[in-house]
Amino acid sequence: MASPHAHSYWRHRFAADRQAPERRRILAVEQAVRAATALGGRWPEIQQIWLFGSVLTEGFQEHSDLDLLVEGLPAAGSEGQARCKLTT
């Protein structure tokens, strides 16, 4: 039979494990907001940036990507268009 200490430890551990995916999802949404802010700062002609995909659902996993739809980004090769590296 497990000791009261072991029972308490595992109860807290399982609760933390259940909360971890939601914490990762919240951090990912925050990262998407930072990315959208950086894109908007680099290209002011951007009209809207949409976040979509698994990050908005319970299906978001540790290795899921962030899906952003950017409206108004200049076409490749047009003046002012360049690669933008977003760092976290």
Protein backbone atom coordinates (compact mmCIF):
# COMPACT_ATOMS: atom_id res chain seq x y z
CA MET A 1 0.00 0.00 0.00
CA ALA A 2 1.32 3.46 -0.91
CA SER A 3 2.15 5.96 1.78
CA PRO A 4 0.07 9.15 2.17
CA HIS A 5 3.08 11.11 0.88
CA ALA A 6 3.29 9.00 -2.29
CA HIS A 7 -0.46 9.29 -2.86
CA SER A 8 -0.28 13.08 -2.53
CA TYR A 9 2.75 13.28 -4.82
CA TRP A 10 1.11 11.30 -7.60
CA ARG A 11 -2.19 13.16 -7.31
CA HIS A 12 -0.34 16.48 -7.78
CA ARG A 13 1.85 15.05 -10.53
CA PHE A 14 -1.14 13.78 -12.52
CA ALA A 15 -2.91 17.13 -12.11
CA ALA A 16 0.19 18.96 -13.39
CA ASP A 17 0.46 16.57 -16.34
CA ARG A 18 -3.16 17.31 -17.28
CA GLN A 19 -2.50 21.07 -17.16
CA ALA A 20 0.75 21.01 -19.18
CA PRO A 21 -0.89 20.91 -22.65
CA GLU A 22 -3.03 23.94 -21.85
CA ARG A 23 0.02 25.86 -20.61
CA ARG A 24 1.85 25.01 -23.85
CA ARG A 25 -1.16 26.13 -25.89
CA ILE A 26 -1.35 29.46 -24.04
CA LEU A 27 2.38 30.04 -24.58
CA ALA A 28 1.95 29.26 -28.28
CA VAL A 29 -0.88 31.78 -28.63
CA GLU A 30 1.31 34.37 -26.91
CA GLN A 31 4.11 33.55 -29.38
CA ALA A 32 1.67 33.98 -32.29
CA VAL A 33 0.68 37.41 -30.97
CA ARG A 34 4.37 38.40 -30.82
CA ALA A 35 4.86 37.12 -34.37
CA ALA A 36 1.84 39.05 -35.62
CA THR A 37 3.11 42.21 -33.92
CA ALA A 38 6.54 41.77 -35.53
CA LEU A 39 5.02 41.17 -38.97
CA GLY A 40 2.77 44.20 -38.64
CA GLY A 41 5.71 46.33 -37.58
CA ARG A 42 7.79 45.17 -40.55
CA TRP A 43 5.02 45.45 -43.14
CA PRO A 44 2.48 48.15 -42.17
CA GLU A 45 0.42 47.36 -45.28
CA ILE A 46 -0.69 44.08 -43.67
CA GLN A 47 -4.44 44.27 -43.18
CA GLN A 48 -5.13 41.32 -40.91
CA ILE A 49 -3.39 38.33 -39.40
CA TRP A 50 -5.43 35.28 -38.51
CA LEU A 51 -4.42 32.50 -36.15
CA PHE A 52 -5.95 29.12 -37.00
CA GLY A 53 -5.36 25.41 -36.67
CA SER A 54 -4.76 23.06 -33.79
CA VAL A 55 -3.54 25.79 -31.43
CA LEU A 56 -7.17 26.84 -31.09
CA THR A 57 -8.29 23.34 -30.11
CA GLU A 58 -7.50 20.65 -27.60
CA GLY A 59 -5.62 18.90 -30.42
CA PHE A 60 -2.58 21.17 -29.97
CA GLN A 61 0.49 19.07 -29.13
CA GLU A 62 4.05 19.78 -28.04
CA HIS A 63 5.35 19.61 -31.63
CA SER A 64 2.41 21.33 -33.33
CA ASP A 65 3.13 24.34 -35.47
CA LEU A 66 1.47 27.77 -35.44
CA ASP A 67 -0.70 28.58 -38.44
CA LEU A 68 -0.96 32.25 -39.39
CA LEU A 69 -2.86 33.65 -42.37
CA VAL A 70 -1.54 37.07 -43.35
CA GLU A 71 -3.70 39.38 -45.47
CA GLY A 72 -1.94 42.19 -47.31
CA LEU A 73 1.65 40.93 -47.20
CA PRO A 74 3.49 42.24 -50.28
CA ALA A 75 3.99 39.70 -53.06
CA ALA A 76 7.37 38.01 -53.35
CA GLY A 77 9.74 40.17 -55.35
CA SER A 78 7.87 43.43 -54.74
CA GLU A 79 9.66 46.35 -53.15
CA GLY A 80 9.70 46.12 -49.39
CA GLN A 81 9.14 42.37 -49.35
CA ALA A 82 11.85 40.43 -47.57
CA ARG A 83 12.25 37.47 -45.32
CA CYS A 84 11.47 38.16 -41.70
CA LYS A 85 12.98 35.87 -39.07
CA LEU A 86 10.86 35.82 -35.93
CA THR A 87 12.65 34.91 -32.75
CA THR A 88 11.13 33.94 -29.45
